[in-house]
C-alpha atoms as a PDB file:
ATOM      1  CA  MET A   1     -56.416  36.024  -3.463  1.00  0.00           C
ATOM      2  CA  ILE A   2     -59.870  34.495  -2.987  1.00  0.00           C
ATOM      3  CA  ASN A   3     -60.705  34.802  -6.658  1.00  0.00           C
ATOM      4  CA  ASN A   4     -57.456  33.455  -8.044  1.00  0.00           C
ATOM      5  CA  GLY A   5     -59.224  30.599  -9.790  1.00  0.00           C
ATOM      6  CA  ASP A   6     -56.459  28.121  -9.014  1.00  0.00           C
ATOM      7  CA  TYR A   7     -58.221  25.412  -7.036  1.00  0.00           C
ATOM      8  CA  ASP A   8     -55.342  22.933  -6.989  1.00  0.00           C
ATOM      9  CA  LYS A   9     -52.932  25.479  -5.488  1.00  0.00           C
ATOM     10  CA  LEU A  10     -55.461  26.496  -2.848  1.00  0.00           C
ATOM     11  CA  LEU A  11     -56.137  22.859  -2.052  1.00  0.00           C
ATOM     12  CA  GLU A  12     -52.451  22.086  -1.664  1.00  0.00           C
ATOM     13  CA  ARG A  13     -51.952  25.042   0.656  1.00  0.00           C
ATOM     14  CA  LEU A  14     -54.924  24.046   2.812  1.00  0.00           C
ATOM     15  CA  ILE A  15     -53.651  20.471   3.060  1.00  0.00           C
ATOM     16  CA  ASN A  16     -50.270  21.744   4.228  1.00  0.00           C
ATOM     17  CA  ALA A  17     -51.783  24.190   6.702  1.00  0.00           C
ATOM     18  CA  SER A  18     -54.417  21.874   8.160  1.00  0.00           C
ATOM     19  CA  LYS A  19     -52.625  18.491   7.939  1.00  0.00           C
ATOM     20  CA  ILE A  20     -55.947  17.018   6.757  1.00  0.00           C
ATOM     21  CA  SER A  21     -55.953  14.568   3.842  1.00  0.00           C
ATOM     22  CA  LYS A  22     -56.884  15.645   0.346  1.00  0.00           C
ATOM     23  CA  ASP A  23     -59.877  13.271   0.204  1.00  0.00           C
ATOM     24  CA  GLU A  24     -61.325  14.579   3.459  1.00  0.00           C
ATOM     25  CA  ILE A  25     -60.977  18.225   2.409  1.00  0.00           C
ATOM     26  CA  GLU A  26     -62.558  17.588  -0.985  1.00  0.00           C
ATOM     27  CA  LYS A  27     -65.484  15.820   0.725  1.00  0.00           C
ATOM     28  CA  LYS A  28     -65.963  18.927   2.874  1.00  0.00           C
ATOM     29  CA  VAL A  29     -65.838  21.119  -0.243  1.00  0.00           C
ATOM     30  CA  GLU A  30     -68.490  19.073  -2.085  1.00  0.00           C
ATOM     31  CA  ALA A  31     -70.675  18.977   1.014  1.00  0.00           C
ATOM     32  CA  LYS A  32     -70.431  22.767   1.309  1.00  0.00           C
ATOM     33  CA  ARG A  33     -71.323  23.240  -2.361  1.00  0.00           C
ATOM     34  CA  ALA A  34     -74.284  20.876  -2.008  1.00  0.00           C
ATOM     35  CA  LYS A  35     -75.503  22.749   1.058  1.00  0.00           C
ATOM     36  CA  LEU A  36     -75.326  26.015  -0.886  1.00  0.00           C
ATOM     37  CA  SER A  37     -77.065  24.442  -3.901  1.00  0.00           C
ATOM     38  CA  GLY A  38     -73.978  24.820  -6.070  1.00  0.00           C
ATOM     39  CA  LEU A  39     -74.123  28.624  -5.868  1.00  0.00           C
ATOM     40  CA  VAL A  40     -70.431  28.902  -5.009  1.00  0.00           C
ATOM     41  CA  SER A  41     -67.424  27.754  -7.009  1.00  0.00           C
ATOM     42  CA  LYS A  42     -65.081  25.043  -5.791  1.00  0.00           C
ATOM     43  CA  GLU A  43     -62.566  27.769  -4.918  1.00  0.00           C
ATOM     44  CA  GLY A  44     -65.181  29.670  -2.924  1.00  0.00           C
ATOM     45  CA  ALA A  45     -66.293  26.536  -1.086  1.00  0.00           C
ATOM     46  CA  LEU A  46     -62.670  25.730  -0.310  1.00  0.00           C
ATOM     47  CA  GLN A  47     -62.203  29.189   1.198  1.00  0.00           C
ATOM     48  CA  ILE A  48     -65.271  28.643   3.401  1.00  0.00           C
ATOM     49  CA  VAL A  49     -63.946  25.256   4.541  1.00  0.00           C
ATOM     50  CA  ALA A  50     -60.582  26.862   5.346  1.00  0.00           C
ATOM     51  CA  ALA A  51     -62.283  29.600   7.385  1.00  0.00           C
ATOM     52  CA  GLU A  52     -64.287  27.021   9.332  1.00  0.00           C
ATOM     53  CA  LEU A  53     -61.027  25.248  10.130  1.00  0.00           C
ATOM     54  CA  GLY A  54     -59.625  28.547  11.425  1.00  0.00           C
ATOM     55  CA  ILE A  55     -57.161  28.899   8.561  1.00  0.00           C
ATOM     56  CA  SER A  56     -56.786  32.061   6.493  1.00  0.00           C
ATOM     57  CA  LEU A  57     -55.278  31.287   3.106  1.00  0.00           C
ATOM     58  CA  ASP A  58     -54.893  35.028   2.523  1.00  0.00           C
ATOM     59  CA  SER A  59     -52.354  35.295   5.341  1.00  0.00           C
ATOM     60  CA  GLU A  60     -50.221  32.407   4.115  1.00  0.00           C
ATOM     61  CA  ARG A  61     -46.845  33.115   2.565  1.00  0.00           C
ATOM     62  CA  LEU A  62     -46.425  32.088  -1.076  1.00  0.00           C
ATOM     63  CA  LYS A  63     -43.442  31.218  -3.199  1.00  0.00           C
ATOM     64  CA  LEU A  64     -42.789  33.693  -5.997  1.00  0.00           C
ATOM     65  CA  GLY A  65     -43.335  30.913  -8.522  1.00  0.00           C
ATOM     66  CA  GLU A  66     -46.862  30.339  -7.202  1.00  0.00           C
ATOM     67  CA  ILE A  67     -48.302  33.806  -7.703  1.00  0.00           C
ATOM     68  CA  LYS A  68     -50.376  34.785 -10.713  1.00  0.00           C
ATOM     69  CA  ASP A  69     -51.902  37.946 -12.148  1.00  0.00           C
ATOM     70  CA  GLY A  70     -54.952  39.031 -10.174  1.00  0.00           C
ATOM     71  CA  TYR A  71     -53.713  37.758  -6.816  1.00  0.00           C
ATOM     72  CA  ARG A  72     -54.313  40.258  -4.021  1.00  0.00           C
ATOM     73  CA  ARG A  73     -52.915  40.644  -0.511  1.00  0.00           C
ATOM     74  CA  VAL A  74     -49.934  38.450  -1.406  1.00  0.00           C
ATOM     75  CA  ASN A  75     -47.288  37.663   1.233  1.00  0.00           C
ATOM     76  CA  VAL A  76     -43.800  36.614   0.124  1.00  0.00           C
ATOM     77  CA  ILE A  77     -40.205  36.568   1.310  1.00  0.00           C
ATOM     78  CA  GLY A  78     -37.105  36.703  -0.859  1.00  0.00           C
ATOM     79  CA  LYS A  79     -33.695  38.174  -1.532  1.00  0.00           C
ATOM     80  CA  ILE A  80     -33.218  41.450  -3.414  1.00  0.00           C
ATOM     81  CA  THR A  81     -31.179  40.622  -6.526  1.00  0.00           C
ATOM     82  CA  LYS A  82     -31.241  43.990  -8.304  1.00  0.00           C
ATOM     83  CA  ILE A  83     -32.351  47.528  -7.468  1.00  0.00           C
ATOM     84  CA  PHE A  84     -33.483  49.781 -10.309  1.00  0.00           C
ATOM     85  CA  PRO A  85     -33.220  53.582 -10.401  1.00  0.00           C
ATOM     86  CA  VAL A  86     -35.985  55.558  -8.703  1.00  0.00           C
ATOM     87  CA  ARG A  87     -38.052  57.251 -11.401  1.00  0.00           C
ATOM     88  CA  GLU A  88     -39.933  60.524 -11.189  1.00  0.00           C
ATOM     89  CA  PHE A  89     -43.189  60.968 -13.073  1.00  0.00           C
ATOM     90  CA  LYS A  90     -45.610  63.722 -13.893  1.00  0.00           C
ATOM     91  CA  LYS A  91     -49.006  63.091 -15.421  1.00  0.00           C
ATOM     92  CA  ASN A  92     -51.685  65.749 -15.675  1.00  0.00           C
ATOM     93  CA  GLU A  93     -51.496  67.464 -12.262  1.00  0.00           C
ATOM     94  CA  ARG A  94     -50.097  64.438 -10.467  1.00  0.00           C
ATOM     95  CA  GLU A  95     -46.420  63.908  -9.870  1.00  0.00           C
ATOM     96  CA  GLY A  96     -44.357  61.625  -7.703  1.00  0.00           C
ATOM     97  CA  LYS A  97     -41.831  58.809  -7.686  1.00  0.00           C
ATOM     98  CA  VAL A  98     -41.846  55.071  -8.272  1.00  0.00           C
ATOM     99  CA  ALA A  99     -39.160  52.590  -7.264  1.00  0.00           C
ATOM    100  CA  SER A 100     -38.627  48.932  -8.137  1.00  0.00           C
ATOM    101  CA  PHE A 101     -36.321  46.006  -7.542  1.00  0.00           C
ATOM    102  CA  SER A 102     -36.025  42.325  -8.412  1.00  0.00           C
ATOM    103  CA  LEU A 103     -36.782  39.772  -5.712  1.00  0.00           C
ATOM    104  CA  GLY A 104     -35.788  36.127  -5.895  1.00  0.00           C
ATOM    105  CA  ASP A 105     -36.435  32.892  -4.056  1.00  0.00           C
ATOM    106  CA  GLU A 106     -35.665  29.307  -5.040  1.00  0.00           C
ATOM    107  CA  SER A 107     -38.713  29.157  -7.329  1.00  0.00           C
ATOM    108  CA  GLU A 108     -38.725  32.407  -9.339  1.00  0.00           C
ATOM    109  CA  ASN A 109     -37.598  36.021  -9.645  1.00  0.00           C
ATOM    110  CA  LYS A 110     -40.157  38.832  -9.773  1.00  0.00           C
ATOM    111  CA  ARG A 111     -40.118  42.597 -10.092  1.00  0.00           C
ATOM    112  CA  ILE A 112     -41.401  44.490  -7.038  1.00  0.00           C
ATOM    113  CA  VAL A 113     -42.854  47.972  -7.651  1.00  0.00           C
ATOM    114  CA  LEU A 114     -43.068  50.514  -4.817  1.00  0.00           C
ATOM    115  CA  TRP A 115     -45.536  53.412  -4.981  1.00  0.00           C
ATOM    116  CA  ASP A 116     -45.649  54.551  -1.345  1.00  0.00           C
ATOM    117  CA  VAL A 117     -43.219  57.349  -0.420  1.00  0.00           C
ATOM    118  CA  ASN A 118     -42.191  55.578   2.794  1.00  0.00           C
ATOM    119  CA  HIS A 119     -41.229  52.454   0.886  1.00  0.00           C
ATOM    120  CA  ILE A 120     -39.401  54.482  -1.765  1.00  0.00           C
ATOM    121  CA  ASN A 121     -37.414  56.223   0.985  1.00  0.00           C
ATOM    122  CA  LEU A 122     -36.023  52.841   2.023  1.00  0.00           C
ATOM    123  CA  ILE A 123     -34.420  52.570  -1.422  1.00  0.00           C
ATOM    124  CA  GLU A 124     -33.274  56.181  -1.644  1.00  0.00           C
ATOM    125  CA  LYS A 125     -31.683  56.127   1.811  1.00  0.00           C
ATOM    126  CA  GLY A 126     -29.960  52.795   1.211  1.00  0.00           C
ATOM    127  CA  LYS A 127     -31.924  50.986   3.913  1.00  0.00           C
ATOM    128  CA  LEU A 128     -32.775  48.269   1.394  1.00  0.00           C
ATOM    129  CA  LYS A 129     -29.823  46.937  -0.591  1.00  0.00           C
ATOM    130  CA  GLU A 130     -29.055  44.180  -3.039  1.00  0.00           C
ATOM    131  CA  GLY A 131     -28.576  40.957  -1.111  1.00  0.00           C
ATOM    132  CA  ASP A 132     -31.019  41.908   1.654  1.00  0.00           C
ATOM    133  CA  VAL A 133     -33.732  39.421   2.579  1.00  0.00           C
ATOM    134  CA  VAL A 134     -37.108  41.153   2.815  1.00  0.00           C
ATOM    135  CA  GLU A 135     -40.623  40.140   3.785  1.00  0.00           C
ATOM    136  CA  ILE A 136     -43.523  41.645   1.850  1.00  0.00           C
ATOM    137  CA  ARG A 137     -47.171  41.627   2.905  1.00  0.00           C
ATOM    138  CA  ASN A 138     -50.391  42.700   1.157  1.00  0.00           C
ATOM    139  CA  ALA A 139     -48.976  43.129  -2.340  1.00  0.00           C
ATOM    140  CA  ASN A 140     -51.135  42.979  -5.472  1.00  0.00           C
ATOM    141  CA  VAL A 141     -50.033  41.196  -8.645  1.00  0.00           C
ATOM    142  CA  LYS A 142     -50.286  42.809 -12.078  1.00  0.00           C
ATOM    143  CA  ASN A 143     -48.430  41.926 -15.265  1.00  0.00           C
ATOM    144  CA  GLY A 144     -46.344  39.430 -13.333  1.00  0.00           C
ATOM    145  CA  GLU A 145     -45.123  42.131 -10.920  1.00  0.00           C
ATOM    146  CA  LEU A 146     -45.890  42.670  -7.234  1.00  0.00           C
ATOM    147  CA  HIS A 147     -47.153  46.193  -6.561  1.00  0.00           C
ATOM    148  CA  LEU A 148     -46.972  47.706  -3.075  1.00  0.00           C
ATOM    149  CA  GLY A 149     -49.206  50.591  -2.059  1.00  0.00           C
ATOM    150  CA  SER A 150     -49.787  52.419   1.197  1.00  0.00           C
ATOM    151  CA  PHE A 151     -51.564  49.405   2.740  1.00  0.00           C
ATOM    152  CA  SER A 152     -48.679  47.072   1.898  1.00  0.00           C
ATOM    153  CA  ASP A 153     -45.729  46.378   4.145  1.00  0.00           C
ATOM    154  CA  ILE A 154     -42.073  45.652   3.452  1.00  0.00           C
ATOM    155  CA  LYS A 155     -39.374  45.024   6.002  1.00  0.00           C
ATOM    156  CA  GLN A 156     -35.997  43.363   6.344  1.00  0.00           C
ATOM    157  CA  SER A 157     -36.031  39.770   7.562  1.00  0.00           C
ATOM    158  CA  SER A 158     -33.480  37.840   9.596  1.00  0.00           C
ATOM    159  CA  GLU A 159     -34.445  34.600   7.861  1.00  0.00           C
ATOM    160  CA  PHE A 160     -31.651  32.929   5.923  1.00  0.00           C
ATOM    161  CA  ILE A 161     -32.192  32.415   2.212  1.00  0.00           C
ATOM    162  CA  GLY A 162     -29.491  30.689   0.181  1.00  0.00           C
ATOM    163  CA  ASP A 163     -29.293  30.546  -3.604  1.00  0.00           C
ATOM    164  CA  VAL A 164     -32.186  32.204  -5.415  1.00  0.00           C
ATOM    165  CA  LYS A 165     -33.310  32.724  -8.984  1.00  0.00           C
ATOM    166  CA  THR A 166     -31.697  35.865 -10.366  1.00  0.00           C
ATOM    167  CA  GLU A 167     -33.770  36.084 -13.545  1.00  0.00           C
ATOM    168  CA  GLY A 168     -37.407  35.540 -14.399  1.00  0.00           C
ATOM    169  CA  LYS A 169     -38.622  32.667 -16.516  1.00  0.00           C
ATOM    170  CA  SER A 170     -36.797  32.571 -19.821  1.00  0.00           C
ATOM    171  CA  ASP A 171     -39.729  31.282 -21.872  1.00  0.00           C
ATOM    172  CA  PHE A 172     -41.186  33.849 -24.273  1.00  0.00           C
ATOM    173  CA  ALA A 173     -43.631  34.071 -27.139  1.00  0.00           C
ATOM    174  CA  ILE A 174     -42.336  34.776 -30.637  1.00  0.00           C
ATOM    175  CA  GLY A 175     -44.721  36.862 -32.650  1.00  0.00           C
ATOM    176  CA  LYS A 176     -45.937  40.192 -33.957  1.00  0.00           C
ATOM    177  CA  LEU A 177     -46.608  43.379 -32.049  1.00  0.00           C
ATOM    178  CA  VAL A 178     -50.128  43.814 -33.415  1.00  0.00           C
ATOM    179  CA  GLY A 179     -52.657  42.855 -30.767  1.00  0.00           C
ATOM    180  CA  VAL A 180     -49.983  42.157 -28.158  1.00  0.00           C
ATOM    181  CA  GLN A 181     -51.220  42.061 -24.568  1.00  0.00           C
ATOM    182  CA  GLU A 182     -49.634  43.429 -21.416  1.00  0.00           C
ATOM    183  CA  GLY A 183     -47.900  40.886 -19.225  1.00  0.00           C
ATOM    184  CA  VAL A 184     -46.475  38.932 -22.168  1.00  0.00           C
ATOM    185  CA  LYS A 185     -42.774  38.164 -22.500  1.00  0.00           C
ATOM    186  CA  MET A 186     -41.963  38.056 -26.187  1.00  0.00           C
ATOM    187  CA  LYS A 187     -39.329  38.010 -28.889  1.00  0.00           C
ATOM    188  CA  VAL A 188     -39.993  40.180 -31.902  1.00  0.00           C
ATOM    189  CA  ARG A 189     -38.081  40.943 -35.098  1.00  0.00           C
ATOM    190  CA  ALA A 190     -38.315  44.700 -35.627  1.00  0.00           C
ATOM    191  CA  VAL A 191     -36.669  47.775 -37.127  1.00  0.00           C
ATOM    192  CA  ILE A 192     -35.398  50.621 -34.932  1.00  0.00           C
ATOM    193  CA  VAL A 193     -37.266  53.622 -36.339  1.00  0.00           C
ATOM    194  CA  GLN A 194     -36.588  56.150 -33.584  1.00  0.00           C
ATOM    195  CA  MET A 195     -34.029  56.529 -30.805  1.00  0.00           C
ATOM    196  CA  PHE A 196     -34.192  59.291 -28.209  1.00  0.00           C
ATOM    197  CA  ASP A 197     -31.306  60.824 -26.301  1.00  0.00           C
ATOM    198  CA  PRO A 198     -30.504  58.829 -23.162  1.00  0.00           C
ATOM    199  CA  ARG A 199     -31.412  60.262 -19.769  1.00  0.00           C
ATOM    200  CA  TYR A 200     -28.867  60.046 -16.957  1.00  0.00           C
ATOM    201  CA  PHE A 201     -29.248  59.557 -13.221  1.00  0.00           C
ATOM    202  CA  ASP A 202     -27.050  59.027 -10.190  1.00  0.00           C
ATOM    203  CA  SER A 203     -26.483  55.374  -9.365  1.00  0.00           C
ATOM    204  CA  LYS A 204     -28.080  54.307  -6.072  1.00  0.00           C
ATOM    205  CA  LYS A 205     -25.801  51.270  -5.966  1.00  0.00           C
ATOM    206  CA  ASN A 206     -22.375  52.882  -6.382  1.00  0.00           C
ATOM    207  CA  GLU A 207     -21.881  56.459  -5.230  1.00  0.00           C
ATOM    208  CA  GLY A 208     -20.404  58.680  -7.935  1.00  0.00           C
ATOM    209  CA  GLU A 209     -21.466  56.423 -10.796  1.00  0.00           C
ATOM    210  CA  LYS A 210     -24.025  57.357 -13.414  1.00  0.00           C
ATOM    211  CA  GLY A 211     -26.802  55.249 -14.889  1.00  0.00           C
ATOM    212  CA  ALA A 212     -28.725  55.699 -18.117  1.00  0.00           C
ATOM    213  CA  VAL A 213     -32.161  54.950 -19.555  1.00  0.00           C
ATOM    214  CA  LEU A 214     -32.824  54.861 -23.293  1.00  0.00           C
ATOM    215  CA  ASN A 215     -36.135  54.964 -25.167  1.00  0.00           C
ATOM    216  CA  VAL A 216     -36.516  53.640 -28.715  1.00  0.00           C
ATOM    217  CA  VAL A 217     -39.401  53.002 -31.093  1.00  0.00           C
ATOM    218  CA  LEU A 218     -39.635  49.607 -32.796  1.00  0.00           C
ATOM    219  CA  ASP A 219     -41.639  48.681 -35.902  1.00  0.00           C
ATOM    220  CA  ASP A 220     -42.203  45.067 -36.957  1.00  0.00           C
ATOM    221  CA  GLY A 221     -44.444  45.862 -39.941  1.00  0.00           C
ATOM    222  CA  SER A 222     -47.637  45.177 -38.010  1.00  0.00           C
ATOM    223  CA  GLU A 223     -47.366  47.758 -35.234  1.00  0.00           C
ATOM    224  CA  THR A 224     -44.974  50.089 -33.439  1.00  0.00           C
ATOM    225  CA  ILE A 225     -44.067  50.072 -29.759  1.00  0.00           C
ATOM    226  CA  ARG A 226     -41.812  52.088 -27.496  1.00  0.00           C
ATOM    227  CA  GLY A 227     -38.948  50.117 -25.999  1.00  0.00           C
ATOM    228  CA  VAL A 228     -37.131  51.006 -22.763  1.00  0.00           C
ATOM    229  CA  LEU A 229     -33.577  49.919 -21.885  1.00  0.00           C
ATOM    230  CA  PHE A 230     -31.441  50.525 -18.799  1.00  0.00           C
ATOM    231  CA  ASN A 231     -27.670  50.578 -18.326  1.00  0.00           C
ATOM    232  CA  GLU A 232     -26.027  47.339 -19.523  1.00  0.00           C
ATOM    233  CA  ASN A 233     -28.923  46.542 -21.841  1.00  0.00           C
ATOM    234  CA  ILE A 234     -28.237  49.771 -23.761  1.00  0.00           C
ATOM    235  CA  LYS A 235     -24.755  48.469 -24.583  1.00  0.00           C
ATOM    236  CA  LYS A 236     -26.343  45.527 -26.402  1.00  0.00           C
ATOM    237  CA  PHE A 237     -26.701  47.924 -29.330  1.00  0.00           C
ATOM    238  CA  GLY A 238     -22.907  47.694 -29.548  1.00  0.00           C
ATOM    239  CA  LEU A 239     -22.332  50.898 -27.580  1.00  0.00           C
ATOM    240  CA  ALA A 240     -19.435  51.493 -25.204  1.00  0.00           C
ATOM    241  CA  ASP A 241     -19.670  53.599 -22.029  1.00  0.00           C
ATOM    242  CA  GLU A 242     -18.288  56.616 -23.854  1.00  0.00           C
ATOM    243  CA  ASP A 243     -20.959  56.260 -26.548  1.00  0.00           C
ATOM    244  CA  VAL A 244     -23.740  56.202 -23.947  1.00  0.00           C
ATOM    245  CA  PHE A 245     -22.558  59.037 -21.708  1.00  0.00           C
ATOM    246  CA  ASP A 246     -21.281  61.431 -24.397  1.00  0.00           C
ATOM    247  CA  LEU A 247     -24.226  62.808 -26.414  1.00  0.00           C
ATOM    248  CA  GLY A 248     -21.979  63.799 -29.305  1.00  0.00           C
ATOM    249  CA  LYS A 249     -20.644  60.266 -29.694  1.00  0.00           C
ATOM    250  CA  PHE A 250     -24.087  58.810 -28.992  1.00  0.00           C
ATOM    251  CA  ASN A 251     -25.646  60.749 -31.862  1.00  0.00           C
ATOM    252  CA  LEU A 252     -22.940  59.509 -34.253  1.00  0.00           C
ATOM    253  CA  LYS A 253     -23.688  55.902 -33.273  1.00  0.00           C
ATOM    254  CA  LYS A 254     -27.408  56.592 -33.344  1.00  0.00           C
ATOM    255  CA  GLU A 255     -27.277  57.428 -37.061  1.00  0.00           C
ATOM    256  CA  GLN A 256     -25.694  54.030 -37.722  1.00  0.00           C
ATOM    257  CA  ILE A 257     -28.244  52.135 -35.624  1.00  0.00           C
ATOM    258  CA  LEU A 258     -31.454  53.745 -36.907  1.00  0.00           C
ATOM    259  CA  GLY A 259     -33.079  51.596 -39.568  1.00  0.00           C
ATOM    260  CA  GLU A 260     -31.350  48.409 -38.460  1.00  0.00           C
ATOM    261  CA  GLU A 261     -33.341  45.236 -37.892  1.00  0.00           C
ATOM    262  CA  ARG A 262     -32.791  43.167 -34.734  1.00  0.00           C
ATOM    263  CA  PHE A 263     -34.495  40.603 -32.554  1.00  0.00           C
ATOM    264  CA  PHE A 264     -35.725  42.149 -29.297  1.00  0.00           C
ATOM    265  CA  VAL A 265     -36.665  40.188 -26.181  1.00  0.00           C
ATOM    266  CA  GLY A 266     -38.567  41.806 -23.352  1.00  0.00           C
ATOM    267  CA  ASN A 267     -41.688  42.125 -21.241  1.00  0.00           C
ATOM    268  CA  ILE A 268     -44.754  43.994 -22.435  1.00  0.00           C
ATOM    269  CA  ARG A 269     -45.917  46.344 -19.691  1.00  0.00           C
ATOM    270  CA  LYS A 270     -48.439  49.126 -19.514  1.00  0.00           C
ATOM    271  CA  ASN A 271     -47.071  52.545 -18.700  1.00  0.00           C
ATOM    272  CA  GLU A 272     -49.854  53.788 -16.458  1.00  0.00           C
ATOM    273  CA  PHE A 273     -48.724  57.390 -16.657  1.00  0.00           C
ATOM    274  CA  PHE A 274     -48.845  57.604 -20.455  1.00  0.00           C
ATOM    275  CA  ASP A 275     -51.568  54.937 -20.847  1.00  0.00           C
ATOM    276  CA  ARG A 276     -49.629  52.913 -23.428  1.00  0.00           C
ATOM    277  CA  LEU A 277     -47.958  49.549 -23.802  1.00  0.00           C
ATOM    278  CA  GLU A 278     -44.150  49.453 -23.751  1.00  0.00           C
ATOM    279  CA  MET A 279     -41.519  46.768 -24.066  1.00  0.00           C
ATOM    280  CA  SER A 280     -38.958  46.554 -21.283  1.00  0.00           C
ATOM    281  CA  ILE A 281     -36.062  45.237 -23.381  1.00  0.00           C
ATOM    282  CA  ASN A 282     -33.516  42.914 -21.805  1.00  0.00           C
ATOM    283  CA  GLY A 283     -32.203  41.107 -24.869  1.00  0.00           C
ATOM    284  CA  ILE A 284     -31.049  42.158 -28.356  1.00  0.00           C
ATOM    285  CA  GLU A 285     -29.879  39.743 -31.060  1.00  0.00           C
ATOM    286  CA  GLU A 286     -28.516  40.238 -34.551  1.00  0.00           C
ATOM    287  CA  VAL A 287     -30.685  39.019 -37.431  1.00  0.00           C
ATOM    288  CA  ASP A 288     -28.821  36.188 -39.151  1.00  0.00           C
ATOM    289  CA  VAL A 289     -30.414  36.317 -42.595  1.00  0.00           C
ATOM    290  CA  GLU A 290     -28.640  33.219 -43.912  1.00  0.00           C
ATOM    291  CA  ARG A 291     -29.798  31.146 -40.943  1.00  0.00           C
ATOM    292  CA  LEU A 292     -33.369  32.416 -41.332  1.00  0.00           C
ATOM    293  CA  VAL A 293     -33.369  31.530 -45.031  1.00  0.00           C
ATOM    294  CA  GLY A 294     -32.099  28.057 -44.177  1.00  0.00           C
ATOM    295  CA  GLU A 295     -34.871  27.569 -41.636  1.00  0.00           C
ATOM    296  CA  MET A 296     -37.496  28.684 -44.164  1.00  0.00           C
ATOM    297  CA  GLU A 297     -36.119  26.239 -46.723  1.00  0.00           C
ATOM    298  CA  LYS A 298     -36.405  23.389 -44.210  1.00  0.00           C
ATOM    299  CA  ILE A 299     -40.027  24.349 -43.539  1.00  0.00           C
ATOM    300  CA  ALA A 300     -40.737  24.427 -47.271  1.00  0.00           C
ATOM    301  CA  LEU A 301     -39.353  20.904 -47.660  1.00  0.00           C
END
């Protein structure tokens, strides 16, 4: 987290940890930069000042709303709000599993991605459940998600956490797929040009229940992208349970859906195993042509 580039956040955390005034800390920072002939940034000088005060900003716990892409060795605590199905992957000669869940505190809700087999076992064996409060240490942040590897740690906490955010920030960019970057949450108007058969899995939440994942290809006239939907989000195509879990009925509905134009809302993420950008879709809206025409007329006036 040393190179996070967010001086004000670092300064605020050091003030809270040291109980020293803002003016005094900033004087120490400028003095340190002067001593080093300006060869370090303000953030770097602040880290040196913190170390001299015996305070490690890397070991401090952050709120989920404070973290940004590029942060490393992040420590957080929160409540699990949703557990996603464990996925198996195979790329080249490498294969394994990846697990994920949503974690919330009073400031934000973030997706946590688990790559270590020991962490994944906690999900598969039901040792981590929705509603559990967990403490996470040494996570890295990428695309707005916290990724835990073998050097990270996750454990249940006895700390009490009340109401938490159950969804991430709702703000999103409206635009075209061409040139889109990973980590962006966006809304795009696109045509469904391909829809693959859903894949089914056993629910980790409710024994005996099945879950589903659906892949589609979207085209907005500027670019195509693969979209991924899970469970309830699949039904936003107007599908009932029987349409999702019966391939015969699914294929009948599929023929009606292909070629339709909708608004899709989701997060752009990079699928590391296939080295491509994908949209994790969590919202689908009908295209109201009359309303769009009306809005264009207002703009023209």
